Amino acid sequence: MEEPKTEAEIQALIERTRQAATGEQTVNQLAQHLLELVDKLVKHF
């Protein structure tokens, strides 16, 4: 997945993470989504 470059892309990534959290996801999968989100935010800023 490429890095988010705009606020909209970051919001979309957050929304996908939220959707994953509400679906039938395991704790490990949710943790992986959150780690990816944090990683992308750190690279963005």
Protein backbone atom coordinates (compact mmCIF):
# COMPACT_ATOMS: atom_id res chain seq x y z
CA MET A 1 0.00 0.00 0.00
CA GLU A 2 1.35 3.45 -0.83
CA GLU A 3 1.72 6.16 1.77
CA PRO A 4 -1.19 8.57 2.24
CA LYS A 5 -0.39 12.02 0.92
CA THR A 6 -3.48 14.00 1.78
CA GLU A 7 -5.78 14.44 4.73
CA ALA A 8 -8.51 12.67 2.75
CA GLU A 9 -6.30 9.61 2.20
CA ILE A 10 -5.47 9.51 5.91
CA GLN A 11 -9.17 9.75 6.77
CA ALA A 12 -9.94 6.93 4.33
CA LEU A 13 -7.26 4.79 5.98
CA ILE A 14 -8.75 5.51 9.40
CA GLU A 15 -12.21 4.60 8.09
CA ARG A 16 -10.93 1.29 6.69
CA THR A 17 -9.39 0.58 10.09
CA ARG A 18 -12.72 1.34 11.78
CA GLN A 19 -14.56 -0.94 9.36
CA ALA A 20 -12.06 -3.69 10.06
CA ALA A 21 -12.64 -3.20 13.78
CA THR A 22 -16.39 -3.62 13.41
CA GLY A 23 -16.12 -6.66 11.14
CA GLU A 24 -15.21 -10.19 12.11
CA GLN A 25 -11.58 -9.39 12.74
CA THR A 26 -9.26 -10.93 15.28
CA VAL A 27 -7.39 -8.81 17.78
CA ASN A 28 -4.17 -9.51 15.90
CA GLN A 29 -5.64 -8.30 12.61
CA LEU A 30 -6.93 -5.12 14.26
CA ALA A 31 -3.54 -4.54 15.88
CA GLN A 32 -1.88 -4.94 12.48
CA HIS A 33 -4.23 -2.34 10.94
CA LEU A 34 -3.45 0.08 13.76
CA LEU A 35 0.30 -0.48 13.43
CA GLU A 36 0.10 0.21 9.69
CA LEU A 37 -1.94 3.36 10.34
CA VAL A 38 0.55 4.67 12.90
CA ASP A 39 3.46 3.84 10.59
CA LYS A 40 1.87 5.78 7.72
CA LEU A 41 1.04 8.76 9.92
CA VAL A 42 4.61 8.90 11.21
CA LYS A 43 5.98 8.79 7.65
CA HIS A 44 3.45 11.42 6.56
CA PHE A 45 4.53 13.92 9.21
